């Protein structure tokens, strides 16, 4: 953390960053994990009930977070980055905020996302999920959390166009998928609230603590809600590879990727972080080409290029939300 006059710490979100910082590389890793995770999870659904799979995945991820926090707390004499540990004790108000975020951004979001994914197409899901960065940017600008510049809006629009070029021909709004489409849209609203609501907590607490505690709270509500799915699960039909996929998805798609996401939210802001989620459909497409043998086309390459350029435009510069510097 940089220090200003009289040795006063300057919050990371107020520090001018290079156009592409190390956090951008971590965000790219996160989008690769989330993009390839779709095919892994989708295959697991052929052997496990989706809600049961997700409940067990959340239990594993919450356990990983709790163990990580205990290890870091015992062994760390201080974490300069503040990503894994900060010495601040959570207040009652902060714990209540975390509980609300856990219910909305973990329990409710996960339920709506899985239910929506089971009822609509991959193409519809990708396009609807692309609305989240726009929701987050609008809310960030409206609340004064961030100053959203012209380059960001141009980049967001270009990313949306690129996603439509990639998956747009497969989108069919309405019909039998309309219920799933609405569930996915509701899930994106929950994710936007979670992203924006978590950032104030990270002025005093680490992304690992905020994410881990909120996930544990969300899991505590989620698992009882879908207990019937877990109890009725036919374990005889579950292969060892599906169990490996469950653990992989929990550790990498939830634990690691969520930590990267909120470290980035604290570092570069909610709006700029959220635009990286537009890359997820591109990596999902790439994994389908590599592992499922789906054909590549000039249209898909052009769409992927548009998304990449759009994301780059949103990172032209990082502004001080108060001074506009």
Protein backbone atom coordinates (compact mmCIF):
# COMPACT_ATOMS: atom_id res chain seq x y z
CA UNK A 1 0.00 0.00 0.00
CA UNK A 2 1.39 3.41 -1.00
CA UNK A 3 1.67 6.11 1.68
CA UNK A 4 0.69 9.72 1.23
CA UNK A 5 1.67 12.80 3.18
CA UNK A 6 2.58 12.32 6.84
CA UNK A 7 2.73 8.58 6.23
CA UNK A 8 -1.04 8.23 5.79
CA UNK A 9 -1.88 5.00 3.92
CA UNK A 10 -3.55 5.48 0.54
CA UNK A 11 -6.23 2.84 -0.16
CA UNK A 12 -5.32 0.61 -3.11
CA UNK A 13 -8.38 1.72 -5.09
CA UNK A 14 -7.05 5.30 -5.11
CA UNK A 15 -3.61 4.38 -6.47
CA UNK A 16 -2.93 4.94 -10.15
CA UNK A 17 -2.13 1.55 -11.65
CA UNK A 18 -0.28 0.64 -14.81
CA UNK A 19 -2.59 -0.13 -17.68
CA UNK A 20 -2.20 -3.83 -16.96
CA UNK A 21 -1.15 -4.83 -13.47
CA UNK A 22 -0.51 -8.26 -11.91
CA UNK A 23 -4.15 -8.33 -10.79
CA UNK A 24 -5.14 -8.41 -14.46
CA UNK A 25 -3.18 -11.64 -14.95
CA UNK A 26 -4.96 -13.17 -11.95
CA UNK A 27 -8.30 -12.08 -13.38
CA UNK A 28 -7.42 -13.74 -16.68
CA UNK A 29 -6.63 -16.94 -14.76
CA UNK A 30 -10.01 -16.63 -13.02
CA UNK A 31 -11.86 -16.31 -16.34
CA UNK A 32 -10.06 -19.37 -17.71
CA UNK A 33 -11.13 -21.36 -14.63
CA UNK A 34 -14.73 -20.15 -14.83
CA UNK A 35 -14.87 -20.67 -18.60
CA UNK A 36 -13.60 -24.26 -18.49
CA UNK A 37 -15.55 -25.02 -15.32
CA UNK A 38 -18.82 -24.89 -17.24
CA UNK A 39 -18.04 -28.03 -19.26
CA UNK A 40 -16.82 -29.80 -16.12
CA UNK A 41 -19.96 -29.00 -14.14
CA UNK A 42 -22.29 -29.73 -17.05
CA UNK A 43 -20.81 -33.22 -17.39
CA UNK A 44 -21.19 -33.80 -13.64
CA UNK A 45 -24.91 -33.01 -13.94
CA UNK A 46 -25.33 -36.20 -16.00
CA UNK A 47 -24.54 -38.22 -12.86
CA UNK A 48 -25.62 -35.93 -10.03
CA UNK A 49 -28.66 -33.79 -9.35
CA UNK A 50 -27.55 -30.17 -10.05
CA UNK A 51 -28.66 -28.78 -6.67
CA UNK A 52 -27.08 -31.71 -4.80
CA UNK A 53 -23.83 -31.24 -6.71
CA UNK A 54 -23.83 -27.53 -5.91
CA UNK A 55 -24.63 -28.08 -2.23
CA UNK A 56 -21.68 -30.45 -1.83
CA UNK A 57 -19.47 -28.09 -3.84
CA UNK A 58 -20.33 -25.20 -1.51
CA UNK A 59 -19.63 -27.32 1.57
CA UNK A 60 -16.16 -28.21 0.23
CA UNK A 61 -15.42 -24.58 -0.72
CA UNK A 62 -16.56 -23.27 2.67
CA UNK A 63 -14.36 -25.82 4.42
CA UNK A 64 -11.37 -24.77 2.32
CA UNK A 65 -11.95 -21.11 3.24
CA UNK A 66 -12.30 -21.84 6.96
CA UNK A 67 -9.13 -23.97 7.03
CA UNK A 68 -7.26 -21.33 5.05
CA UNK A 69 -8.30 -18.56 7.45
CA UNK A 70 -7.28 -20.61 10.50
CA UNK A 71 -3.86 -21.47 9.03
CA UNK A 72 -3.14 -17.89 7.99
CA UNK A 73 -4.30 -16.49 11.33
CA UNK A 74 -2.02 -18.84 13.28
CA UNK A 75 1.08 -18.63 11.10
CA UNK A 76 1.01 -15.11 9.73
CA UNK A 77 2.69 -12.32 11.65
CA UNK A 78 1.19 -9.91 9.18
CA UNK A 79 -0.02 -9.89 5.60
CA UNK A 80 1.18 -6.70 3.85
CA UNK A 81 -1.15 -7.34 0.92
CA UNK A 82 -4.19 -7.71 3.16
CA UNK A 83 -5.56 -10.38 0.81
CA UNK A 84 -5.42 -13.27 3.28
CA UNK A 85 -5.50 -11.60 6.67
CA UNK A 86 -6.08 -8.32 8.47
CA UNK A 87 -5.99 -7.94 12.26
CA UNK A 88 -9.27 -6.01 12.51
CA UNK A 89 -12.06 -7.56 14.55
CA UNK A 90 -15.43 -7.60 12.81
CA UNK A 91 -18.09 -5.40 14.34
CA UNK A 92 -21.69 -6.48 14.85
CA UNK A 93 -22.75 -4.30 11.93
CA UNK A 94 -20.15 -5.89 9.65
CA UNK A 95 -21.24 -9.39 10.65
CA UNK A 96 -24.85 -8.51 9.85
CA UNK A 97 -23.73 -7.15 6.47
CA UNK A 98 -21.80 -10.37 5.83
CA UNK A 99 -24.85 -12.43 6.75
CA UNK A 100 -26.98 -10.48 4.26
CA UNK A 101 -24.33 -10.87 1.57
CA UNK A 102 -24.08 -14.59 2.29
CA UNK A 103 -27.82 -15.06 1.86
CA UNK A 104 -28.13 -12.91 -1.29
CA UNK A 105 -24.77 -13.41 -2.98
CA UNK A 106 -24.08 -17.02 -2.07
CA UNK A 107 -27.23 -18.94 -1.14
CA UNK A 108 -29.81 -17.18 -3.34
CA UNK A 109 -27.40 -16.52 -6.22
CA UNK A 110 -26.23 -20.12 -6.36
CA UNK A 111 -29.77 -21.49 -6.24
CA UNK A 112 -31.03 -19.19 -9.00
CA UNK A 113 -27.96 -19.74 -11.19
CA UNK A 114 -28.13 -23.54 -11.02
CA UNK A 115 -31.90 -23.58 -11.49
CA UNK A 116 -31.66 -21.18 -14.42
CA UNK A 117 -28.84 -23.10 -16.07
CA UNK A 118 -30.92 -26.28 -15.92
CA UNK A 119 -33.83 -24.57 -17.70
CA UNK A 120 -32.20 -22.52 -20.45
CA UNK A 121 -29.46 -22.83 -23.05
CA UNK A 122 -25.75 -22.13 -22.71
CA UNK A 123 -26.04 -19.31 -25.25
CA UNK A 124 -28.88 -17.62 -23.36
CA UNK A 125 -26.97 -17.97 -20.08
CA UNK A 126 -23.85 -16.35 -21.54
CA UNK A 127 -25.71 -13.36 -22.95
CA UNK A 128 -27.72 -12.79 -19.76
CA UNK A 129 -24.59 -13.14 -17.60
CA UNK A 130 -22.96 -10.45 -19.75
CA UNK A 131 -25.49 -7.98 -18.33
CA UNK A 132 -23.87 -8.18 -14.86
CA UNK A 133 -20.92 -5.86 -15.67
CA UNK A 134 -23.33 -3.23 -16.99
CA UNK A 135 -25.52 -3.52 -13.86
CA UNK A 136 -22.46 -3.18 -11.62
CA UNK A 137 -21.05 -0.22 -13.58
CA UNK A 138 -24.38 1.63 -13.48
CA UNK A 139 -24.72 1.05 -9.73
CA UNK A 140 -21.08 2.03 -9.08
CA UNK A 141 -21.52 5.28 -10.98
CA UNK A 142 -24.90 6.06 -9.41
CA UNK A 143 -23.61 5.55 -5.85
CA UNK A 144 -20.39 7.49 -6.48
CA UNK A 145 -18.23 4.47 -5.67
CA UNK A 146 -16.37 4.88 -8.95
CA UNK A 147 -16.15 7.41 -11.73
CA UNK A 148 -17.07 5.54 -14.89
CA UNK A 149 -15.34 7.07 -17.90
CA UNK A 150 -16.18 7.01 -21.59
CA UNK A 151 -13.56 4.36 -22.34
CA UNK A 152 -15.20 2.01 -19.84
CA UNK A 153 -18.64 2.34 -21.44
CA UNK A 154 -17.19 1.87 -24.93
CA UNK A 155 -15.31 -1.20 -23.71
CA UNK A 156 -18.39 -2.65 -22.01
CA UNK A 157 -20.49 -2.13 -25.14
CA UNK A 158 -17.82 -3.69 -27.35
CA UNK A 159 -17.62 -6.71 -25.02
CA UNK A 160 -21.40 -7.17 -25.18
CA UNK A 161 -21.29 -6.98 -28.98
CA UNK A 162 -18.46 -9.51 -29.02
CA UNK A 163 -20.39 -11.94 -26.82
CA UNK A 164 -23.41 -11.65 -29.08
CA UNK A 165 -21.22 -12.36 -32.13
CA UNK A 166 -19.89 -15.48 -30.38
CA UNK A 167 -23.16 -16.91 -29.04
CA UNK A 168 -25.92 -14.65 -30.35
CA UNK A 169 -27.16 -16.91 -33.18
CA UNK A 170 -27.92 -19.58 -30.59
CA UNK A 171 -30.00 -17.31 -28.37
CA UNK A 172 -33.75 -17.86 -28.34
CA UNK A 173 -35.46 -15.54 -25.92
CA UNK A 174 -38.87 -16.71 -24.78
CA UNK A 175 -40.59 -20.01 -25.40
CA UNK A 176 -39.77 -22.91 -23.11
CA UNK A 177 -36.57 -21.23 -21.87
CA UNK A 178 -38.19 -18.01 -20.61
CA UNK A 179 -38.39 -19.32 -17.02
CA UNK A 180 -34.69 -20.19 -17.03
CA UNK A 181 -33.84 -16.82 -18.63
CA UNK A 182 -35.65 -14.97 -15.83
CA UNK A 183 -33.92 -17.10 -13.17
CA UNK A 184 -30.52 -16.32 -14.72
CA UNK A 185 -31.34 -12.60 -14.81
CA UNK A 186 -32.34 -12.72 -11.14
CA UNK A 187 -29.07 -14.53 -10.36
CA UNK A 188 -27.08 -11.76 -12.06
CA UNK A 189 -28.92 -9.17 -9.97
CA UNK A 190 -27.88 -11.07 -6.81
CA UNK A 191 -24.27 -11.28 -8.02
CA UNK A 192 -24.22 -7.52 -8.70
CA UNK A 193 -25.53 -6.76 -5.20
CA UNK A 194 -22.94 -9.11 -3.71
CA UNK A 195 -20.05 -7.55 -5.64
CA UNK A 196 -20.98 -4.00 -4.69
CA UNK A 197 -21.91 -4.81 -1.10
CA UNK A 198 -18.68 -6.65 -0.33
CA UNK A 199 -16.33 -3.84 -1.32
CA UNK A 200 -16.94 -1.56 1.71
CA UNK A 201 -16.20 -4.49 4.03
CA UNK A 202 -12.82 -4.97 2.40
CA UNK A 203 -11.59 -1.55 3.49
CA UNK A 204 -10.92 -3.24 6.87
CA UNK A 205 -11.00 -6.96 6.13
CA UNK A 206 -9.30 -9.32 3.70
CA UNK A 207 -11.02 -10.71 0.59
CA UNK A 208 -10.46 -14.22 1.96
CA UNK A 209 -12.28 -13.39 5.21
CA UNK A 210 -15.16 -11.56 3.52
CA UNK A 211 -15.65 -14.27 0.90
CA UNK A 212 -15.06 -17.20 3.23
CA UNK A 213 -17.40 -16.06 5.99
CA UNK A 214 -20.14 -15.01 3.57
CA UNK A 215 -19.83 -18.34 1.75
CA UNK A 216 -20.05 -20.30 5.00
CA UNK A 217 -23.20 -18.35 5.94
CA UNK A 218 -24.66 -18.85 2.47
CA UNK A 219 -23.89 -22.57 2.59
CA UNK A 220 -25.60 -22.85 5.98
CA UNK A 221 -28.81 -21.57 4.37
CA UNK A 222 -28.38 -23.30 1.01
CA UNK A 223 -27.81 -26.88 2.14
CA UNK A 224 -31.02 -27.22 4.22
CA UNK A 225 -33.01 -25.67 1.36
CA UNK A 226 -31.87 -28.40 -1.06
CA UNK A 227 -31.47 -31.21 1.50
CA UNK A 228 -34.06 -33.36 -0.29
CA UNK A 229 -31.88 -33.34 -3.43
CA UNK A 230 -28.83 -34.43 -1.45
CA UNK A 231 -30.68 -37.18 0.46
CA UNK A 232 -32.15 -38.67 -2.72
CA UNK A 233 -28.80 -38.70 -4.52
CA UNK A 234 -27.87 -42.09 -6.02
CA UNK A 235 -24.22 -42.43 -5.01
CA UNK A 236 -23.93 -45.65 -6.98
CA UNK A 237 -24.32 -43.67 -10.20
CA UNK A 238 -21.56 -41.18 -9.29
CA UNK A 239 -18.17 -41.99 -10.79
CA UNK A 240 -14.80 -41.11 -9.18
CA UNK A 241 -14.14 -38.59 -11.99
CA UNK A 242 -17.34 -36.72 -11.07
CA UNK A 243 -16.19 -36.53 -7.46
CA UNK A 244 -12.84 -35.17 -8.67
CA UNK A 245 -14.76 -32.63 -10.77
CA UNK A 246 -16.76 -31.61 -7.70
CA UNK A 247 -13.62 -31.00 -5.62
CA UNK A 248 -11.89 -29.21 -8.51
CA UNK A 249 -14.86 -26.95 -9.06
CA UNK A 250 -15.11 -26.16 -5.34
CA UNK A 251 -11.40 -25.39 -4.85
CA UNK A 252 -10.69 -23.53 -8.09
CA UNK A 253 -14.00 -22.15 -9.35
CA UNK A 254 -15.25 -21.06 -5.92
CA UNK A 255 -12.40 -20.73 -3.41
CA UNK A 256 -9.55 -19.52 -5.62
CA UNK A 257 -11.58 -17.58 -8.19
CA UNK A 258 -13.74 -15.81 -5.61
CA UNK A 259 -10.58 -14.72 -3.78
CA UNK A 260 -9.15 -13.31 -7.01
CA UNK A 261 -12.46 -11.59 -7.83
CA UNK A 262 -12.68 -9.74 -4.52
CA UNK A 263 -8.99 -8.94 -4.37
CA UNK A 264 -9.54 -7.25 -7.74
CA UNK A 265 -12.72 -5.50 -6.57
CA UNK A 266 -10.69 -3.95 -3.77
CA UNK A 267 -7.75 -3.13 -6.04
CA UNK A 268 -9.34 -1.79 -9.25
CA UNK A 269 -13.00 -1.38 -8.36
CA UNK A 270 -16.24 -3.25 -8.95
CA UNK A 271 -16.97 -1.99 -12.47
CA UNK A 272 -13.56 -2.76 -13.96
CA UNK A 273 -13.37 -6.15 -12.29
CA UNK A 274 -16.82 -7.15 -13.48
CA UNK A 275 -15.98 -6.58 -17.14
CA UNK A 276 -13.61 -9.54 -17.00
CA UNK A 277 -16.62 -11.81 -16.59
CA UNK A 278 -17.32 -11.07 -20.27
CA UNK A 279 -14.30 -13.22 -21.07
CA UNK A 280 -15.88 -16.31 -19.52
CA UNK A 281 -18.03 -17.21 -22.57
CA UNK A 282 -14.96 -16.81 -24.79
CA UNK A 283 -12.95 -19.30 -22.74
CA UNK A 284 -15.99 -21.58 -22.53
CA UNK A 285 -16.10 -21.53 -26.33
CA UNK A 286 -12.37 -22.23 -26.54
CA UNK A 287 -12.63 -25.20 -24.16
CA UNK A 288 -15.53 -26.58 -26.22
CA UNK A 289 -13.37 -26.34 -29.34
CA UNK A 290 -10.37 -28.01 -27.68
CA UNK A 291 -12.09 -30.73 -25.64
CA UNK A 292 -15.43 -31.29 -27.34
CA UNK A 293 -14.33 -30.84 -30.94
CA UNK A 294 -16.75 -28.03 -31.71
CA UNK A 295 -15.89 -26.21 -34.96
CA UNK A 296 -14.18 -22.80 -34.92
CA UNK A 297 -15.35 -20.05 -37.25
CA UNK A 298 -14.27 -16.59 -38.33
CA UNK A 299 -17.36 -15.21 -36.58
CA UNK A 300 -16.32 -16.71 -33.25
CA UNK A 301 -12.75 -15.45 -33.61
CA UNK A 302 -14.01 -11.94 -34.42
CA UNK A 303 -16.36 -12.00 -31.43
CA UNK A 304 -13.60 -13.14 -29.08
CA UNK A 305 -11.34 -10.35 -30.37
CA UNK A 306 -14.08 -7.78 -29.71
CA UNK A 307 -14.48 -8.99 -26.13
CA UNK A 308 -10.72 -8.83 -25.51
CA UNK A 309 -10.44 -5.31 -26.91
CA UNK A 310 -13.48 -4.23 -24.88
CA UNK A 311 -11.94 -5.52 -21.64
CA UNK A 312 -8.65 -3.77 -22.49
CA UNK A 313 -10.45 -0.46 -22.98
CA UNK A 314 -11.95 -0.63 -19.50
CA UNK A 315 -8.43 -0.81 -18.04
CA UNK A 316 -6.96 2.20 -19.83
CA UNK A 317 -6.66 3.99 -16.52
CA UNK A 318 -7.83 3.73 -12.91
CA UNK A 319 -9.39 6.89 -11.46
CA UNK A 320 -9.62 8.26 -7.98
CA UNK A 321 -13.40 8.13 -7.51
CA UNK A 322 -13.37 11.31 -5.44
CA UNK A 323 -10.91 13.53 -7.29
CA UNK A 324 -11.16 12.10 -10.82
CA UNK A 325 -7.35 12.05 -11.02
